[in-house]
Amino acid sequence: MINKMIQPSGEKRKQPEDTMGVEEAKQLLEEKVEQLWAKGTLATRKALWKRMVEWAQDNELEICSNTGCLFVMATKTSDAARLTYAKHLSALMSRMGMETCSLSTLCSALRATGGAIPTQQARPITKVELMEWACTQDDQTKVAIMICWKSAARWGEVAK
């Protein structure tokens, strides 16, 4: 199956009947999914779609579920991140009326190998530990630290 997706160098690949060209897929994405998800979810999925399309163009592959699988596995990320990517691409392709069987199978395989098991997170800092550390910081950093701790915000959200 994978050998059929990879092109021999210099040979022009014929577009399969169940795929579409990159430009057509981009336009269809805009039309079909703009109103389906929250802005943050849509932005995340569009960014992932853009990365996959660029990767497919660089590798001279058509946009289809099989290409999505290859892209997901080509990312240098954990299985949990790959599972998330595969689910996002599957949702996008499904809404565009594209076949998603390969991505669904990849999701199942990633779940079976532990991709859905949450990673162990670090223990949260206590207020006492935070105050001890904050005493060694300048006033601006102290304010930012307290806002982050109180609101459970990420550092990048407060730093803006």
N, C-alpha and C. Protein backbone atom coordinates (compact mmCIF):
# COMPACT_ATOMS: atom_id res chain seq x y z
N MET A 1 0.82 -1.19 0.00
CA MET A 1 0.00 0.00 0.00
C MET A 1 0.87 1.26 0.00
N ILE A 2 1.88 1.30 0.87
CA ILE A 2 2.72 2.49 0.97
C ILE A 2 3.53 2.68 -0.30
N ASN A 3 3.99 1.61 -0.92
CA ASN A 3 4.77 1.74 -2.15
C ASN A 3 3.98 2.41 -3.26
N LYS A 4 2.66 2.22 -3.27
CA LYS A 4 1.82 2.85 -4.28
C LYS A 4 1.74 4.36 -4.07
N MET A 5 1.93 4.80 -2.81
CA MET A 5 1.81 6.23 -2.50
C MET A 5 3.10 7.00 -2.79
N ILE A 6 4.21 6.32 -2.80
CA ILE A 6 5.50 6.97 -2.99
C ILE A 6 5.86 6.91 -4.47
N GLN A 7 6.25 8.05 -4.99
CA GLN A 7 6.54 8.13 -6.42
C GLN A 7 7.99 7.81 -6.73
N PRO A 8 8.22 7.10 -7.82
CA PRO A 8 9.60 6.98 -8.30
C PRO A 8 10.06 8.36 -8.78
N SER A 9 11.32 8.68 -8.59
CA SER A 9 11.80 10.01 -8.97
C SER A 9 11.66 10.24 -10.47
N GLY A 10 11.25 11.45 -10.81
CA GLY A 10 11.13 11.85 -12.20
C GLY A 10 9.87 11.39 -12.90
N GLU A 11 9.08 10.56 -12.27
CA GLU A 11 7.87 10.04 -12.90
C GLU A 11 6.66 10.86 -12.44
N LYS A 12 5.88 11.35 -13.37
CA LYS A 12 4.69 12.13 -13.05
C LYS A 12 3.60 11.20 -12.56
N ARG A 13 3.08 11.49 -11.39
CA ARG A 13 2.05 10.63 -10.81
C ARG A 13 0.68 11.03 -11.33
N LYS A 14 -0.09 10.05 -11.72
CA LYS A 14 -1.45 10.28 -12.18
C LYS A 14 -2.36 10.45 -10.97
N GLN A 15 -3.21 11.46 -11.01
CA GLN A 15 -4.10 11.74 -9.89
C GLN A 15 -5.19 10.68 -9.81
N PRO A 16 -5.29 9.97 -8.65
CA PRO A 16 -6.34 8.97 -8.50
C PRO A 16 -7.72 9.62 -8.53
N GLU A 17 -8.73 8.83 -8.83
CA GLU A 17 -10.09 9.35 -8.94
C GLU A 17 -10.64 9.85 -7.61
N ASP A 18 -10.18 9.29 -6.48
CA ASP A 18 -10.74 9.67 -5.19
C ASP A 18 -9.94 10.77 -4.49
N THR A 19 -9.09 11.49 -5.25
CA THR A 19 -8.34 12.61 -4.68
C THR A 19 -8.60 13.86 -5.51
N MET A 20 -8.16 14.99 -4.99
CA MET A 20 -8.31 16.24 -5.71
C MET A 20 -6.98 16.99 -5.68
N GLY A 21 -6.88 18.00 -6.49
CA GLY A 21 -5.67 18.81 -6.52
C GLY A 21 -5.57 19.68 -5.28
N VAL A 22 -4.38 20.18 -5.03
CA VAL A 22 -4.11 20.98 -3.84
C VAL A 22 -4.95 22.25 -3.80
N GLU A 23 -4.99 23.00 -4.87
CA GLU A 23 -5.75 24.25 -4.88
C GLU A 23 -7.25 24.01 -4.68
N GLU A 24 -7.75 22.98 -5.32
CA GLU A 24 -9.17 22.63 -5.17
C GLU A 24 -9.46 22.24 -3.71
N ALA A 25 -8.54 21.51 -3.10
CA ALA A 25 -8.72 21.10 -1.70
C ALA A 25 -8.69 22.30 -0.76
N LYS A 26 -7.80 23.25 -1.03
CA LYS A 26 -7.73 24.46 -0.20
C LYS A 26 -9.04 25.24 -0.24
N GLN A 27 -9.58 25.42 -1.43
CA GLN A 27 -10.82 26.17 -1.59
C GLN A 27 -11.98 25.44 -0.91
N LEU A 28 -12.03 24.13 -1.07
CA LEU A 28 -13.09 23.34 -0.45
C LEU A 28 -13.01 23.41 1.07
N LEU A 29 -11.79 23.40 1.59
CA LEU A 29 -11.60 23.54 3.03
C LEU A 29 -12.21 24.82 3.55
N GLU A 30 -11.92 25.93 2.89
CA GLU A 30 -12.46 27.22 3.30
C GLU A 30 -13.99 27.23 3.29
N GLU A 31 -14.58 26.70 2.24
CA GLU A 31 -16.03 26.73 2.09
C GLU A 31 -16.74 25.83 3.09
N LYS A 32 -16.19 24.67 3.35
CA LYS A 32 -16.90 23.66 4.13
C LYS A 32 -16.74 23.78 5.64
N VAL A 33 -15.60 24.22 6.11
CA VAL A 33 -15.34 24.10 7.54
C VAL A 33 -15.25 25.41 8.31
N GLU A 34 -15.40 26.51 7.66
CA GLU A 34 -15.20 27.80 8.32
C GLU A 34 -16.08 27.98 9.55
N GLN A 35 -17.32 27.52 9.50
CA GLN A 35 -18.25 27.75 10.59
C GLN A 35 -18.47 26.54 11.51
N LEU A 36 -17.73 25.47 11.32
CA LEU A 36 -18.00 24.24 12.07
C LEU A 36 -17.45 24.21 13.48
N TRP A 37 -16.30 24.82 13.70
CA TRP A 37 -15.63 24.68 14.99
C TRP A 37 -15.36 26.04 15.60
N ALA A 38 -15.02 26.03 16.87
CA ALA A 38 -14.62 27.25 17.56
C ALA A 38 -13.40 27.83 16.85
N LYS A 39 -13.19 29.12 17.00
CA LYS A 39 -12.09 29.78 16.28
C LYS A 39 -10.74 29.15 16.58
N GLY A 40 -10.48 28.82 17.84
CA GLY A 40 -9.20 28.20 18.20
C GLY A 40 -9.01 26.85 17.57
N THR A 41 -10.07 26.03 17.59
CA THR A 41 -10.01 24.70 16.98
C THR A 41 -9.79 24.82 15.48
N LEU A 42 -10.54 25.73 14.87
CA LEU A 42 -10.40 25.93 13.43
C LEU A 42 -9.00 26.41 13.07
N ALA A 43 -8.46 27.33 13.85
CA ALA A 43 -7.11 27.84 13.58
C ALA A 43 -6.07 26.72 13.69
N THR A 44 -6.21 25.88 14.70
CA THR A 44 -5.29 24.75 14.88
C THR A 44 -5.38 23.79 13.71
N ARG A 45 -6.61 23.47 13.32
CA ARG A 45 -6.81 22.51 12.22
C ARG A 45 -6.36 23.08 10.88
N LYS A 46 -6.59 24.37 10.66
CA LYS A 46 -6.13 25.00 9.41
C LYS A 46 -4.61 25.02 9.33
N ALA A 47 -3.96 25.30 10.46
CA ALA A 47 -2.50 25.32 10.48
C ALA A 47 -1.94 23.93 10.18
N LEU A 48 -2.56 22.90 10.76
CA LEU A 48 -2.13 21.53 10.51
C LEU A 48 -2.38 21.16 9.04
N TRP A 49 -3.53 21.56 8.52
CA TRP A 49 -3.86 21.29 7.11
C TRP A 49 -2.83 21.95 6.20
N LYS A 50 -2.47 23.18 6.51
CA LYS A 50 -1.48 23.90 5.70
C LYS A 50 -0.14 23.17 5.72
N ARG A 51 0.28 22.72 6.91
CA ARG A 51 1.53 21.96 7.01
C ARG A 51 1.48 20.69 6.17
N MET A 52 0.34 19.99 6.23
CA MET A 52 0.22 18.74 5.47
C MET A 52 0.24 19.02 3.97
N VAL A 53 -0.47 20.06 3.54
CA VAL A 53 -0.51 20.39 2.11
C VAL A 53 0.89 20.75 1.61
N GLU A 54 1.62 21.56 2.38
CA GLU A 54 2.98 21.93 1.98
C GLU A 54 3.88 20.70 1.92
N TRP A 55 3.74 19.82 2.90
CA TRP A 55 4.53 18.59 2.93
C TRP A 55 4.19 17.73 1.71
N ALA A 56 2.90 17.63 1.40
CA ALA A 56 2.47 16.83 0.25
C ALA A 56 3.03 17.42 -1.05
N GLN A 57 3.00 18.75 -1.18
CA GLN A 57 3.55 19.39 -2.38
C GLN A 57 5.05 19.13 -2.49
N ASP A 58 5.77 19.25 -1.37
CA ASP A 58 7.21 19.01 -1.38
C ASP A 58 7.54 17.58 -1.79
N ASN A 59 6.66 16.65 -1.46
CA ASN A 59 6.88 15.24 -1.77
C ASN A 59 6.10 14.77 -3.00
N GLU A 60 5.49 15.74 -3.71
CA GLU A 60 4.74 15.48 -4.93
C GLU A 60 3.66 14.42 -4.74
N LEU A 61 2.89 14.57 -3.66
CA LEU A 61 1.79 13.66 -3.35
C LEU A 61 0.47 14.41 -3.42
N GLU A 62 -0.57 13.71 -3.77
CA GLU A 62 -1.91 14.29 -3.82
C GLU A 62 -2.50 14.33 -2.42
N ILE A 63 -3.48 15.20 -2.22
CA ILE A 63 -4.15 15.31 -0.93
C ILE A 63 -5.20 14.20 -0.82
N CYS A 64 -4.94 13.28 0.11
CA CYS A 64 -5.89 12.19 0.37
C CYS A 64 -5.58 11.63 1.75
N SER A 65 -6.39 10.70 2.18
CA SER A 65 -6.23 10.10 3.51
C SER A 65 -4.87 9.42 3.66
N ASN A 66 -4.42 8.74 2.63
CA ASN A 66 -3.12 8.06 2.69
C ASN A 66 -1.98 9.06 2.88
N THR A 67 -2.06 10.18 2.19
CA THR A 67 -1.04 11.22 2.35
C THR A 67 -1.09 11.78 3.76
N GLY A 68 -2.30 11.95 4.29
CA GLY A 68 -2.44 12.41 5.68
C GLY A 68 -1.75 11.46 6.64
N CYS A 69 -1.90 10.16 6.42
CA CYS A 69 -1.23 9.16 7.27
C CYS A 69 0.29 9.28 7.18
N LEU A 70 0.78 9.40 5.97
CA LEU A 70 2.23 9.54 5.79
C LEU A 70 2.75 10.81 6.47
N PHE A 71 2.01 11.91 6.32
CA PHE A 71 2.41 13.17 6.94
C PHE A 71 2.45 13.02 8.47
N VAL A 72 1.40 12.44 9.03
CA VAL A 72 1.33 12.28 10.49
C VAL A 72 2.52 11.46 10.99
N MET A 73 2.82 10.38 10.31
CA MET A 73 3.92 9.53 10.75
C MET A 73 5.29 10.17 10.49
N ALA A 74 5.35 11.11 9.55
CA ALA A 74 6.61 11.80 9.26
C ALA A 74 6.93 12.88 10.29
N THR A 75 5.93 13.29 11.07
CA THR A 75 6.19 14.30 12.09
C THR A 75 7.03 13.68 13.20
N LYS A 76 7.95 14.45 13.70
CA LYS A 76 8.83 13.97 14.78
C LYS A 76 8.19 14.34 16.12
N THR A 77 7.09 13.64 16.43
CA THR A 77 6.34 13.92 17.65
C THR A 77 6.00 12.61 18.35
N SER A 78 5.40 12.73 19.52
CA SER A 78 4.97 11.55 20.28
C SER A 78 3.76 10.91 19.61
N ASP A 79 3.45 9.70 20.01
CA ASP A 79 2.26 9.04 19.47
C ASP A 79 0.99 9.78 19.88
N ALA A 80 1.00 10.40 21.05
CA ALA A 80 -0.17 11.18 21.48
C ALA A 80 -0.40 12.37 20.54
N ALA A 81 0.67 13.05 20.17
CA ALA A 81 0.55 14.18 19.23
C ALA A 81 0.13 13.68 17.85
N ARG A 82 0.69 12.57 17.44
CA ARG A 82 0.31 11.99 16.14
C ARG A 82 -1.17 11.62 16.12
N LEU A 83 -1.67 11.08 17.23
CA LEU A 83 -3.09 10.74 17.32
C LEU A 83 -3.93 12.00 17.17
N THR A 84 -3.53 13.06 17.83
CA THR A 84 -4.25 14.33 17.72
C THR A 84 -4.23 14.83 16.28
N TYR A 85 -3.08 14.80 15.64
CA TYR A 85 -2.96 15.24 14.24
C TYR A 85 -3.87 14.40 13.35
N ALA A 86 -3.85 13.09 13.53
CA ALA A 86 -4.66 12.20 12.69
C ALA A 86 -6.15 12.49 12.89
N LYS A 87 -6.56 12.73 14.14
CA LYS A 87 -7.97 13.05 14.41
C LYS A 87 -8.36 14.37 13.76
N HIS A 88 -7.49 15.37 13.86
CA HIS A 88 -7.78 16.67 13.23
C HIS A 88 -7.91 16.53 11.72
N LEU A 89 -6.95 15.86 11.09
CA LEU A 89 -7.00 15.69 9.63
C LEU A 89 -8.20 14.86 9.21
N SER A 90 -8.53 13.85 9.98
CA SER A 90 -9.69 13.02 9.67
C SER A 90 -10.98 13.84 9.74
N ALA A 91 -11.09 14.69 10.75
CA ALA A 91 -12.28 15.55 10.88
C ALA A 91 -12.39 16.51 9.71
N LEU A 92 -11.28 17.11 9.32
CA LEU A 92 -11.29 18.04 8.18
C LEU A 92 -11.67 17.33 6.89
N MET A 93 -11.02 16.21 6.62
CA MET A 93 -11.29 15.49 5.37
C MET A 93 -12.72 14.95 5.33
N SER A 94 -13.20 14.49 6.46
CA SER A 94 -14.57 13.99 6.53
C SER A 94 -15.57 15.10 6.20
N ARG A 95 -15.35 16.28 6.74
CA ARG A 95 -16.25 17.41 6.47
C ARG A 95 -16.17 17.88 5.03
N MET A 96 -15.06 17.58 4.37
CA MET A 96 -14.91 17.95 2.96
C MET A 96 -15.40 16.85 2.04
N GLY A 97 -15.93 15.78 2.61
CA GLY A 97 -16.45 14.69 1.80
C GLY A 97 -15.38 13.76 1.26
N MET A 98 -14.21 13.81 1.84
CA MET A 98 -13.12 12.95 1.39
C MET A 98 -13.13 11.65 2.20
N GLU A 99 -12.59 10.61 1.64
CA GLU A 99 -12.47 9.32 2.31
C GLU A 99 -11.46 9.44 3.45
N THR A 100 -11.77 8.86 4.61
CA THR A 100 -10.89 8.97 5.77
C THR A 100 -10.53 7.61 6.37
N CYS A 101 -10.76 6.55 5.65
CA CYS A 101 -10.54 5.20 6.18
C CYS A 101 -9.11 5.01 6.68
N SER A 102 -8.13 5.44 5.91
CA SER A 102 -6.73 5.27 6.31
C SER A 102 -6.42 6.02 7.59
N LEU A 103 -6.92 7.25 7.71
CA LEU A 103 -6.69 8.02 8.93
C LEU A 103 -7.39 7.39 10.13
N SER A 104 -8.58 6.87 9.92
CA SER A 104 -9.30 6.19 11.01
C SER A 104 -8.53 4.97 11.48
N THR A 105 -7.97 4.23 10.53
CA THR A 105 -7.17 3.05 10.87
C THR A 105 -5.92 3.47 11.63
N LEU A 106 -5.29 4.56 11.20
CA LEU A 106 -4.11 5.06 11.90
C LEU A 106 -4.47 5.48 13.32
N CYS A 107 -5.61 6.14 13.50
CA CYS A 107 -6.05 6.53 14.85
C CYS A 107 -6.20 5.29 15.73
N SER A 108 -6.82 4.25 15.20
CA SER A 108 -6.99 3.01 15.96
C SER A 108 -5.64 2.40 16.33
N ALA A 109 -4.72 2.40 15.38
CA ALA A 109 -3.39 1.84 15.64
C ALA A 109 -2.65 2.65 16.70
N LEU A 110 -2.74 3.97 16.63
CA LEU A 110 -2.07 4.81 17.62
C LEU A 110 -2.69 4.64 19.01
N ARG A 111 -4.02 4.50 19.06
CA ARG A 111 -4.68 4.25 20.35
C ARG A 111 -4.22 2.91 20.93
N ALA A 112 -4.13 1.90 20.06
CA ALA A 112 -3.75 0.55 20.51
C ALA A 112 -2.33 0.49 21.03
N THR A 113 -1.47 1.39 20.54
CA THR A 113 -0.07 1.38 20.98
C THR A 113 0.20 2.42 22.06
N GLY A 114 -0.86 2.96 22.65
CA GLY A 114 -0.68 3.86 23.79
C GLY A 114 -0.74 5.33 23.48
N GLY A 115 -1.12 5.71 22.29
CA GLY A 115 -1.17 7.12 21.93
C GLY A 115 -2.22 7.91 22.69
N ALA A 116 -3.22 7.22 23.22
CA ALA A 116 -4.28 7.93 23.95
C ALA A 116 -4.03 7.98 25.45
N ILE A 117 -2.96 7.35 25.91
CA ILE A 117 -2.65 7.37 27.34
C ILE A 117 -2.02 8.72 27.68
N PRO A 118 -2.61 9.46 28.63
CA PRO A 118 -2.06 10.77 28.96
C PRO A 118 -0.66 10.65 29.56
N THR A 119 0.17 11.63 29.27
CA THR A 119 1.51 11.63 29.82
C THR A 119 1.45 12.11 31.26
N GLN A 120 2.40 11.66 32.06
CA GLN A 120 2.46 12.06 33.46
C GLN A 120 2.86 13.53 33.54
N GLN A 121 2.06 14.31 34.20
CA GLN A 121 2.35 15.74 34.31
C GLN A 121 3.10 16.02 35.60
N ALA A 122 3.82 17.11 35.61
CA ALA A 122 4.57 17.53 36.80
C ALA A 122 3.61 17.95 37.90
N ARG A 123 4.04 17.79 39.12
CA ARG A 123 3.26 18.21 40.28
C ARG A 123 3.16 19.73 40.26
N PRO A 124 1.97 20.28 40.52
CA PRO A 124 1.83 21.74 40.53
C PRO A 124 2.63 22.35 41.68
N ILE A 125 3.10 23.54 41.47
CA ILE A 125 3.84 24.25 42.51
C ILE A 125 2.86 24.73 43.59
N THR A 126 3.28 24.65 44.83
CA THR A 126 2.42 25.13 45.91
C THR A 126 2.60 26.64 46.05
N LYS A 127 1.67 27.27 46.75
CA LYS A 127 1.77 28.71 46.95
C LYS A 127 3.01 29.07 47.75
N VAL A 128 3.36 28.25 48.74
CA VAL A 128 4.55 28.50 49.56
C VAL A 128 5.80 28.46 48.69
N GLU A 129 5.92 27.43 47.84
CA GLU A 129 7.07 27.31 46.95
C GLU A 129 7.13 28.49 45.98
N LEU A 130 5.98 28.88 45.48
CA LEU A 130 5.91 30.01 44.55
C LEU A 130 6.38 31.30 45.22
N MET A 131 5.91 31.54 46.44
CA MET A 131 6.28 32.77 47.15
C MET A 131 7.78 32.81 47.45
N GLU A 132 8.35 31.66 47.82
CA GLU A 132 9.79 31.60 48.09
C GLU A 132 10.58 31.97 46.84
N TRP A 133 10.17 31.43 45.70
CA TRP A 133 10.88 31.72 44.45
C TRP A 133 10.63 33.14 43.99
N ALA A 134 9.40 33.63 44.14
CA ALA A 134 9.04 34.97 43.69
C ALA A 134 9.83 36.05 44.43
N CYS A 135 10.19 35.79 45.69
CA CYS A 135 10.96 36.76 46.47
C CYS A 135 12.32 37.05 45.85
N THR A 136 12.80 36.17 45.00
CA THR A 136 14.11 36.37 44.37
C THR A 136 14.00 37.09 43.03
N GLN A 137 12.77 37.47 42.62
CA GLN A 137 12.54 38.06 41.30
C GLN A 137 12.26 39.56 41.40
N ASP A 138 12.39 40.27 40.26
CA ASP A 138 12.06 41.70 40.23
C ASP A 138 10.53 41.87 40.25
N ASP A 139 10.07 43.11 40.46
CA ASP A 139 8.64 43.37 40.64
C ASP A 139 7.79 42.99 39.43
N GLN A 140 8.25 43.31 38.23
CA GLN A 140 7.47 42.96 37.03
C GLN A 140 7.30 41.45 36.89
N THR A 141 8.36 40.72 37.15
CA THR A 141 8.28 39.26 37.06
C THR A 141 7.36 38.71 38.13
N LYS A 142 7.41 39.28 39.34
CA LYS A 142 6.52 38.85 40.42
C LYS A 142 5.05 39.00 40.02
N VAL A 143 4.72 40.14 39.41
CA VAL A 143 3.33 40.37 39.00
C VAL A 143 2.91 39.34 37.96
N ALA A 144 3.75 39.12 36.98
CA ALA A 144 3.44 38.15 35.93
C ALA A 144 3.30 36.74 36.51
N ILE A 145 4.19 36.39 37.42
CA ILE A 145 4.16 35.06 38.05
C ILE A 145 2.86 34.87 38.82
N MET A 146 2.46 35.86 39.58
CA MET A 146 1.24 35.75 40.38
C MET A 146 -0.01 35.66 39.48
N ILE A 147 -0.01 36.42 38.40
CA ILE A 147 -1.14 36.33 37.46
C ILE A 147 -1.22 34.92 36.86
N CYS A 148 -0.09 34.39 36.45
CA CYS A 148 -0.05 33.04 35.88
C CYS A 148 -0.54 32.02 36.90
N TRP A 149 -0.05 32.12 38.13
CA TRP A 149 -0.41 31.14 39.14
C TRP A 149 -1.89 31.23 39.51
N LYS A 150 -2.37 32.43 39.69
CA LYS A 150 -3.76 32.63 40.11
C LYS A 150 -4.75 32.23 39.02
N SER A 151 -4.42 32.55 37.77
CA SER A 151 -5.35 32.29 36.66
C SER A 151 -5.10 30.95 35.96
N ALA A 152 -4.04 30.26 36.34
CA ALA A 152 -3.62 29.02 35.68
C ALA A 152 -3.34 29.26 34.19
N ALA A 153 -2.89 30.48 33.88
CA ALA A 153 -2.56 30.84 32.50
C ALA A 153 -1.17 30.34 32.14
N ARG A 154 -0.95 30.20 30.88
CA ARG A 154 0.37 29.84 30.38
C ARG A 154 1.23 31.11 30.36
N TRP A 155 2.52 30.91 30.48
CA TRP A 155 3.45 32.04 30.50
C TRP A 155 3.31 32.88 29.22
N GLY A 156 3.18 32.22 28.09
CA GLY A 156 3.07 32.94 26.82
C GLY A 156 1.82 33.79 26.73
N GLU A 157 0.75 33.39 27.41
CA GLU A 157 -0.49 34.17 27.39
C GLU A 157 -0.35 35.46 28.18
N VAL A 158 0.41 35.39 29.27
CA VAL A 158 0.60 36.56 30.14
C VAL A 158 1.70 37.47 29.57
N ALA A 159 2.69 36.89 28.94
CA ALA A 159 3.83 37.65 28.44
C ALA A 159 3.44 38.61 27.32
N LYS A 160 2.31 38.34 26.66
CA LYS A 160 1.86 39.21 25.57
C LYS A 160 1.43 40.49 26.17
